[in-house]
C-alpha atoms as a PDB file:
ATOM      1  CA  MET A   1      23.640 -15.213  15.265  1.00  0.00           C
ATOM      2  CA  ASN A   2      21.320 -17.686  13.531  1.00  0.00           C
ATOM      3  CA  LEU A   3      19.954 -18.207  10.046  1.00  0.00           C
ATOM      4  CA  THR A   4      17.134 -15.924  10.575  1.00  0.00           C
ATOM      5  CA  PHE A   5      19.456 -12.921  11.603  1.00  0.00           C
ATOM      6  CA  TRP A   6      21.663 -13.492   8.389  1.00  0.00           C
ATOM      7  CA  VAL A   7      18.652 -13.891   6.099  1.00  0.00           C
ATOM      8  CA  GLY A   8      17.177 -10.508   7.516  1.00  0.00           C
ATOM      9  CA  LEU A   9      20.542  -8.810   7.416  1.00  0.00           C
ATOM     10  CA  SER A  10      21.052  -9.852   3.685  1.00  0.00           C
ATOM     11  CA  ALA A  11      17.568  -8.789   2.910  1.00  0.00           C
ATOM     12  CA  ALA A  12      18.055  -5.442   4.478  1.00  0.00           C
ATOM     13  CA  ALA A  13      21.468  -4.792   2.955  1.00  0.00           C
ATOM     14  CA  LEU A  14      20.055  -5.772  -0.549  1.00  0.00           C
ATOM     15  CA  THR A  15      16.957  -3.677  -0.520  1.00  0.00           C
ATOM     16  CA  THR A  16      18.866  -0.641   1.065  1.00  0.00           C
ATOM     17  CA  ALA A  17      21.723  -0.868  -1.501  1.00  0.00           C
ATOM     18  CA  SER A  18      19.106  -0.927  -4.377  1.00  0.00           C
ATOM     19  CA  PHE A  19      18.221   2.547  -3.564  1.00  0.00           C
ATOM     20  CA  PHE A  20      21.711   3.996  -3.651  1.00  0.00           C
ATOM     21  CA  PRO A  21      22.045   4.154  -7.545  1.00  0.00           C
ATOM     22  CA  GLN A  22      18.730   6.084  -7.828  1.00  0.00           C
ATOM     23  CA  ALA A  23      19.695   8.471  -5.118  1.00  0.00           C
ATOM     24  CA  TRP A  24      23.072   9.010  -6.524  1.00  0.00           C
ATOM     25  CA  LYS A  25      21.797   9.582 -10.096  1.00  0.00           C
ATOM     26  CA  THR A  26      19.122  11.932  -8.891  1.00  0.00           C
ATOM     27  CA  TRP A  27      21.566  13.934  -6.869  1.00  0.00           C
ATOM     28  CA  HIS A  28      24.165  14.161  -9.568  1.00  0.00           C
ATOM     29  CA  SER A  29      21.827  14.842 -12.468  1.00  0.00           C
ATOM     30  CA  GLN A  30      19.634  17.257 -10.314  1.00  0.00           C
ATOM     31  CA  LYS A  31      16.605  15.758 -12.087  1.00  0.00           C
ATOM     32  CA  ALA A  32      13.893  14.260  -9.872  1.00  0.00           C
ATOM     33  CA  ASP A  33      10.909  14.966 -12.250  1.00  0.00           C
ATOM     34  CA  ASP A  34       9.956  11.414 -12.868  1.00  0.00           C
ATOM     35  CA  PHE A  35       9.394  10.913  -9.292  1.00  0.00           C
ATOM     36  CA  SER A  36       5.729  11.597  -8.275  1.00  0.00           C
ATOM     37  CA  TRP A  37       5.042  13.367  -5.050  1.00  0.00           C
ATOM     38  CA  SER A  38       2.622  10.614  -3.995  1.00  0.00           C
ATOM     39  CA  TYR A  39       5.139   7.905  -4.594  1.00  0.00           C
ATOM     40  CA  LEU A  40       7.889   9.649  -2.515  1.00  0.00           C
ATOM     41  CA  LEU A  41       5.637  10.691   0.368  1.00  0.00           C
ATOM     42  CA  LEU A  42       3.811   7.352   0.580  1.00  0.00           C
ATOM     43  CA  PHE A  43       7.184   5.507   0.458  1.00  0.00           C
ATOM     44  CA  GLY A  44       8.852   7.688   2.806  1.00  0.00           C
ATOM     45  CA  ALA A  45       6.054   7.374   5.236  1.00  0.00           C
ATOM     46  CA  GLY A  46       6.166   3.636   4.913  1.00  0.00           C
ATOM     47  CA  ILE A  47       9.863   3.578   5.587  1.00  0.00           C
ATOM     48  CA  LEU A  48       9.349   5.780   8.561  1.00  0.00           C
ATOM     49  CA  MET A  49       6.804   3.289   9.798  1.00  0.00           C
ATOM     50  CA  TRP A  50       9.278   0.496   9.262  1.00  0.00           C
ATOM     51  CA  ASP A  51      11.948   2.593  11.436  1.00  0.00           C
ATOM     52  CA  LEU A  52       9.314   2.828  14.244  1.00  0.00           C
ATOM     53  CA  TYR A  53       8.507  -0.861  13.976  1.00  0.00           C
ATOM     54  CA  GLY A  54      12.291  -1.656  14.228  1.00  0.00           C
ATOM     55  CA  LEU A  55      12.566   0.792  17.291  1.00  0.00           C
ATOM     56  CA  LEU A  56       9.544  -0.840  19.076  1.00  0.00           C
ATOM     57  CA  ARG A  57      11.027  -4.487  18.346  1.00  0.00           C
ATOM     58  CA  GLN A  58      14.455  -3.209  19.389  1.00  0.00           C
ATOM     59  CA  ASP A  59      15.651  -4.753  16.046  1.00  0.00           C
ATOM     60  CA  ALA A  60      18.928  -2.897  14.984  1.00  0.00           C
ATOM     61  CA  VAL A  61      18.885  -4.324  11.318  1.00  0.00           C
ATOM     62  CA  ILE A  62      15.356  -3.102  10.541  1.00  0.00           C
ATOM     63  CA  LEU A  63      16.241   0.279  12.148  1.00  0.00           C
ATOM     64  CA  LEU A  64      19.426   0.849  10.458  1.00  0.00           C
ATOM     65  CA  ALA A  65      18.476  -0.407   7.004  1.00  0.00           C
ATOM     66  CA  ASN A  66      15.180   1.783   6.968  1.00  0.00           C
ATOM     67  CA  THR A  67      16.955   4.831   8.414  1.00  0.00           C
ATOM     68  CA  VAL A  68      19.538   4.671   5.623  1.00  0.00           C
ATOM     69  CA  THR A  69      16.803   4.234   3.071  1.00  0.00           C
ATOM     70  CA  LEU A  70      14.707   7.068   4.602  1.00  0.00           C
ATOM     71  CA  ALA A  71      17.932   9.270   4.168  1.00  0.00           C
ATOM     72  CA  LEU A  72      18.289   8.292   0.587  1.00  0.00           C
ATOM     73  CA  VAL A  73      14.405   9.004  -0.087  1.00  0.00           C
ATOM     74  CA  GLY A  74      15.382  12.536   1.550  1.00  0.00           C
ATOM     75  CA  VAL A  75      17.964  13.153  -0.997  1.00  0.00           C
ATOM     76  CA  ILE A  76      15.390  12.571  -3.649  1.00  0.00           C
ATOM     77  CA  ILE A  77      12.838  14.677  -2.029  1.00  0.00           C
ATOM     78  CA  LEU A  78      15.238  17.443  -1.487  1.00  0.00           C
ATOM     79  CA  THR A  79      16.456  17.457  -5.107  1.00  0.00           C
ATOM     80  CA  LYS A  80      12.730  17.284  -6.250  1.00  0.00           C
ATOM     81  CA  LEU A  81      11.915  20.429  -4.017  1.00  0.00           C
ATOM     82  CA  ARG A  82      15.040  22.312  -5.286  1.00  0.00           C
ATOM     83  CA  THR A  83      14.550  21.542  -8.967  1.00  0.00           C
ATOM     84  CA  SER A  84      10.730  22.042  -8.888  1.00  0.00           C
ATOM     85  CA  ALA A  85      11.198  25.574  -7.410  1.00  0.00           C
ATOM     86  CA  ARG A  86      13.070  26.659 -10.632  1.00  0.00           C
END
């Protein structure tokens, strides 16, 4: 494992971890009104493309980090769907 691997792993960990507080707050407050649908859908599509890229490159770090981030975006989307139906 070289320096490039560790830099990539650190970047993936930090950017993925940065989304946890927002997903946590959204889930517990059950408020997602401040997120626009266009942001959530574009960001989610971008993360999905990163997942595909990681899969094609067979890069576990890219794949894992973006799968976790996509799940967190999914939490926000589900919360927005549930609360906008009220």
